[in-house]
Amino acid sequence: MEDVIGRVAGSLLTSLLREEFQLPNYPSMVKDCRKDIEKAGNDIPDKIKNENMLRLCWTLVYGPNIQDIKKGLLNLEEALIGEICSRL
């Protein structure tokens, strides 16, 4: 399973590094996503928390900074592993 995730993440990372995938308003998008997560707090349903985190990860993965891309992919992998483990 980890091998498959690694291959998918690697190919995704390679394709995302192309310029046509760069988001034009990247800094403000990341700021808005983080503000939404912070503003929502812990008293909201898990579905909304997950949607907010997914939007942040998506924004990070499609950003121009390699560190942000790696962070977004790591967060997505952790969420996927957590989801799989919760179903076992």
N, C-alpha and C. Protein backbone atom coordinates (compact mmCIF):
# COMPACT_ATOMS: atom_id res chain seq x y z
N MET A 1 0.83 -1.20 0.00
CA MET A 1 0.00 0.00 0.00
C MET A 1 0.87 1.26 0.00
N GLU A 2 1.91 1.28 0.85
CA GLU A 2 2.78 2.45 0.92
C GLU A 2 3.49 2.68 -0.42
N ASP A 3 3.85 1.57 -1.08
CA ASP A 3 4.50 1.68 -2.38
C ASP A 3 3.59 2.35 -3.39
N VAL A 4 2.33 1.99 -3.39
CA VAL A 4 1.36 2.58 -4.32
C VAL A 4 1.19 4.06 -4.01
N ILE A 5 1.02 4.40 -2.73
CA ILE A 5 0.87 5.81 -2.34
C ILE A 5 2.11 6.60 -2.74
N GLY A 6 3.29 6.01 -2.53
CA GLY A 6 4.53 6.69 -2.91
C GLY A 6 4.62 6.96 -4.40
N ARG A 7 4.24 5.98 -5.20
CA ARG A 7 4.28 6.17 -6.66
C ARG A 7 3.28 7.23 -7.11
N VAL A 8 2.07 7.18 -6.54
CA VAL A 8 1.05 8.17 -6.90
C VAL A 8 1.51 9.56 -6.47
N ALA A 9 2.03 9.68 -5.24
CA ALA A 9 2.49 10.98 -4.76
C ALA A 9 3.64 11.49 -5.62
N GLY A 10 4.55 10.61 -6.01
CA GLY A 10 5.68 11.01 -6.85
C GLY A 10 5.24 11.51 -8.21
N SER A 11 4.34 10.79 -8.84
CA SER A 11 3.88 11.23 -10.16
C SER A 11 3.05 12.50 -10.06
N LEU A 12 2.26 12.62 -8.98
CA LEU A 12 1.49 13.84 -8.77
C LEU A 12 2.42 15.02 -8.56
N LEU A 13 3.45 14.83 -7.75
CA LEU A 13 4.41 15.90 -7.49
C LEU A 13 5.10 16.34 -8.77
N THR A 14 5.49 15.39 -9.59
CA THR A 14 6.14 15.71 -10.86
C THR A 14 5.23 16.52 -11.77
N SER A 15 3.98 16.11 -11.89
CA SER A 15 3.06 16.82 -12.78
C SER A 15 2.69 18.19 -12.23
N LEU A 16 2.68 18.32 -10.91
CA LEU A 16 2.29 19.60 -10.31
C LEU A 16 3.37 20.67 -10.42
N LEU A 17 4.60 20.25 -10.64
CA LEU A 17 5.69 21.21 -10.73
C LEU A 17 5.70 21.97 -12.05
N ARG A 18 4.87 21.55 -12.98
CA ARG A 18 4.75 22.28 -14.23
C ARG A 18 4.07 23.62 -13.99
N GLU A 19 4.48 24.63 -14.72
CA GLU A 19 3.98 25.99 -14.50
C GLU A 19 2.48 26.14 -14.71
N GLU A 20 1.88 25.36 -15.59
CA GLU A 20 0.47 25.57 -15.88
C GLU A 20 -0.44 25.21 -14.70
N PHE A 21 0.11 24.56 -13.70
CA PHE A 21 -0.68 24.19 -12.53
C PHE A 21 -0.55 25.20 -11.39
N GLN A 22 0.21 26.25 -11.57
CA GLN A 22 0.43 27.22 -10.49
C GLN A 22 -0.82 28.07 -10.28
N LEU A 23 -1.17 28.26 -9.04
CA LEU A 23 -2.33 29.09 -8.70
C LEU A 23 -1.94 30.56 -8.70
N PRO A 24 -2.73 31.42 -9.32
CA PRO A 24 -2.36 32.83 -9.44
C PRO A 24 -2.38 33.60 -8.12
N ASN A 25 -3.30 33.32 -7.24
CA ASN A 25 -3.42 34.05 -5.97
C ASN A 25 -3.02 33.16 -4.81
N TYR A 26 -1.96 32.39 -4.97
CA TYR A 26 -1.58 31.37 -4.01
C TYR A 26 -1.46 31.88 -2.56
N PRO A 27 -0.69 32.93 -2.29
CA PRO A 27 -0.55 33.36 -0.88
C PRO A 27 -1.87 33.70 -0.21
N SER A 28 -2.75 34.39 -0.92
CA SER A 28 -4.03 34.75 -0.31
C SER A 28 -4.94 33.52 -0.15
N MET A 29 -4.82 32.56 -1.05
CA MET A 29 -5.62 31.34 -0.93
C MET A 29 -5.22 30.54 0.30
N VAL A 30 -3.91 30.41 0.53
CA VAL A 30 -3.42 29.68 1.71
C VAL A 30 -3.87 30.40 2.97
N LYS A 31 -3.73 31.71 2.96
CA LYS A 31 -4.14 32.51 4.12
C LYS A 31 -5.63 32.34 4.40
N ASP A 32 -6.45 32.38 3.37
CA ASP A 32 -7.90 32.21 3.54
C ASP A 32 -8.25 30.83 4.07
N CYS A 33 -7.59 29.79 3.56
CA CYS A 33 -7.86 28.42 4.02
C CYS A 33 -7.49 28.27 5.49
N ARG A 34 -6.33 28.79 5.86
CA ARG A 34 -5.90 28.69 7.26
C ARG A 34 -6.82 29.49 8.18
N LYS A 35 -7.29 30.65 7.70
CA LYS A 35 -8.20 31.47 8.49
C LYS A 35 -9.54 30.74 8.68
N ASP A 36 -10.03 30.07 7.63
CA ASP A 36 -11.29 29.30 7.74
C ASP A 36 -11.16 28.19 8.78
N ILE A 37 -10.02 27.50 8.77
CA ILE A 37 -9.80 26.41 9.73
C ILE A 37 -9.74 26.97 11.15
N GLU A 38 -9.00 28.05 11.31
CA GLU A 38 -8.85 28.66 12.63
C GLU A 38 -10.18 29.20 13.15
N LYS A 39 -10.92 29.87 12.28
CA LYS A 39 -12.20 30.47 12.66
C LYS A 39 -13.24 29.41 13.03
N ALA A 40 -13.21 28.29 12.34
CA ALA A 40 -14.19 27.23 12.59
C ALA A 40 -13.99 26.57 13.95
N GLY A 41 -12.75 26.47 14.39
CA GLY A 41 -12.48 25.86 15.69
C GLY A 41 -12.79 24.38 15.70
N ASN A 42 -12.96 23.84 16.90
CA ASN A 42 -13.19 22.41 17.07
C ASN A 42 -14.65 22.04 17.26
N ASP A 43 -15.51 23.03 17.32
CA ASP A 43 -16.93 22.78 17.60
C ASP A 43 -17.78 22.57 16.35
N ILE A 44 -17.15 22.24 15.24
CA ILE A 44 -17.90 22.03 14.01
C ILE A 44 -17.89 20.54 13.66
N PRO A 45 -18.81 20.10 12.83
CA PRO A 45 -18.84 18.68 12.44
C PRO A 45 -17.56 18.26 11.72
N ASP A 46 -17.22 16.98 11.85
CA ASP A 46 -16.01 16.44 11.21
C ASP A 46 -16.03 16.64 9.70
N LYS A 47 -17.20 16.56 9.08
CA LYS A 47 -17.29 16.74 7.63
C LYS A 47 -16.77 18.11 7.21
N ILE A 48 -17.14 19.15 7.94
CA ILE A 48 -16.69 20.51 7.60
C ILE A 48 -15.20 20.66 7.89
N LYS A 49 -14.73 20.08 9.00
CA LYS A 49 -13.29 20.11 9.30
C LYS A 49 -12.50 19.46 8.17
N ASN A 50 -12.97 18.30 7.73
CA ASN A 50 -12.28 17.58 6.66
C ASN A 50 -12.29 18.38 5.35
N GLU A 51 -13.40 19.02 5.05
CA GLU A 51 -13.48 19.83 3.83
C GLU A 51 -12.51 21.01 3.89
N ASN A 52 -12.42 21.66 5.05
CA ASN A 52 -11.49 22.78 5.21
C ASN A 52 -10.04 22.31 5.06
N MET A 53 -9.71 21.17 5.68
CA MET A 53 -8.35 20.65 5.58
C MET A 53 -8.04 20.22 4.15
N LEU A 54 -9.01 19.63 3.48
CA LEU A 54 -8.80 19.21 2.10
C LEU A 54 -8.54 20.42 1.20
N ARG A 55 -9.28 21.51 1.41
CA ARG A 55 -9.05 22.73 0.62
C ARG A 55 -7.65 23.27 0.86
N LEU A 56 -7.20 23.27 2.12
CA LEU A 56 -5.85 23.74 2.42
C LEU A 56 -4.81 22.85 1.77
N CYS A 57 -4.97 21.54 1.88
CA CYS A 57 -4.02 20.61 1.27
C CYS A 57 -3.99 20.78 -0.24
N TRP A 58 -5.16 20.91 -0.86
CA TRP A 58 -5.24 21.10 -2.30
C TRP A 58 -4.48 22.37 -2.70
N THR A 59 -4.69 23.43 -1.95
CA THR A 59 -4.02 24.69 -2.24
C THR A 59 -2.51 24.54 -2.10
N LEU A 60 -2.06 23.87 -1.03
CA LEU A 60 -0.62 23.67 -0.83
C LEU A 60 -0.01 22.83 -1.95
N VAL A 61 -0.69 21.77 -2.34
CA VAL A 61 -0.17 20.87 -3.37
C VAL A 61 -0.04 21.57 -4.72
N TYR A 62 -0.94 22.48 -5.02
CA TYR A 62 -0.88 23.18 -6.30
C TYR A 62 -0.10 24.49 -6.24
N GLY A 63 0.60 24.72 -5.15
CA GLY A 63 1.38 25.94 -4.99
C GLY A 63 2.75 25.87 -5.63
N PRO A 64 3.46 26.99 -5.67
CA PRO A 64 4.76 27.06 -6.31
C PRO A 64 5.92 26.61 -5.41
N ASN A 65 5.71 26.55 -4.12
CA ASN A 65 6.78 26.25 -3.17
C ASN A 65 6.86 24.74 -2.94
N ILE A 66 8.04 24.16 -3.17
CA ILE A 66 8.21 22.71 -3.04
C ILE A 66 7.94 22.25 -1.61
N GLN A 67 8.27 23.05 -0.62
CA GLN A 67 8.02 22.67 0.78
C GLN A 67 6.51 22.61 1.05
N ASP A 68 5.77 23.54 0.51
CA ASP A 68 4.31 23.53 0.67
C ASP A 68 3.70 22.33 -0.03
N ILE A 69 4.22 21.99 -1.20
CA ILE A 69 3.72 20.84 -1.94
C ILE A 69 3.93 19.57 -1.11
N LYS A 70 5.13 19.43 -0.57
CA LYS A 70 5.42 18.25 0.26
C LYS A 70 4.53 18.21 1.49
N LYS A 71 4.32 19.36 2.12
CA LYS A 71 3.47 19.43 3.31
C LYS A 71 2.03 19.04 2.97
N GLY A 72 1.51 19.54 1.85
CA GLY A 72 0.16 19.20 1.42
C GLY A 72 0.02 17.72 1.13
N LEU A 73 1.01 17.13 0.45
CA LEU A 73 0.97 15.70 0.16
C LEU A 73 1.05 14.87 1.44
N LEU A 74 1.91 15.28 2.37
CA LEU A 74 2.03 14.57 3.64
C LEU A 74 0.71 14.60 4.40
N ASN A 75 0.07 15.75 4.44
CA ASN A 75 -1.22 15.86 5.12
C ASN A 75 -2.28 14.97 4.46
N LEU A 76 -2.28 14.94 3.14
CA LEU A 76 -3.24 14.09 2.43
C LEU A 76 -2.97 12.61 2.68
N GLU A 77 -1.69 12.22 2.70
CA GLU A 77 -1.34 10.83 2.99
C GLU A 77 -1.77 10.45 4.40
N GLU A 78 -1.51 11.33 5.36
CA GLU A 78 -1.90 11.06 6.74
C GLU A 78 -3.42 10.92 6.87
N ALA A 79 -4.14 11.75 6.17
CA ALA A 79 -5.61 11.67 6.20
C ALA A 79 -6.08 10.37 5.58
N LEU A 80 -5.46 9.97 4.48
CA LEU A 80 -5.84 8.73 3.81
C LEU A 80 -5.54 7.53 4.70
N ILE A 81 -4.38 7.50 5.31
CA ILE A 81 -4.01 6.41 6.19
C ILE A 81 -4.94 6.36 7.40
N GLY A 82 -5.27 7.53 7.94
CA GLY A 82 -6.21 7.59 9.06
C GLY A 82 -7.58 7.08 8.69
N GLU A 83 -8.03 7.40 7.49
CA GLU A 83 -9.33 6.94 7.01
C GLU A 83 -9.33 5.43 6.82
N ILE A 84 -8.26 4.91 6.26
CA ILE A 84 -8.17 3.46 6.04
C ILE A 84 -8.13 2.74 7.39
N CYS A 85 -7.34 3.25 8.32
CA CYS A 85 -7.21 2.60 9.64
C CYS A 85 -8.53 2.66 10.41
N SER A 86 -9.29 3.72 10.25
CA SER A 86 -10.56 3.84 10.98
C SER A 86 -11.60 2.84 10.46
N ARG A 87 -11.42 2.36 9.25
CA ARG A 87 -12.37 1.40 8.68
C ARG A 87 -12.01 -0.04 9.00
N LEU A 88 -10.82 -0.26 9.55
CA LEU A 88 -10.39 -1.64 9.87
C LEU A 88 -11.03 -2.14 11.13
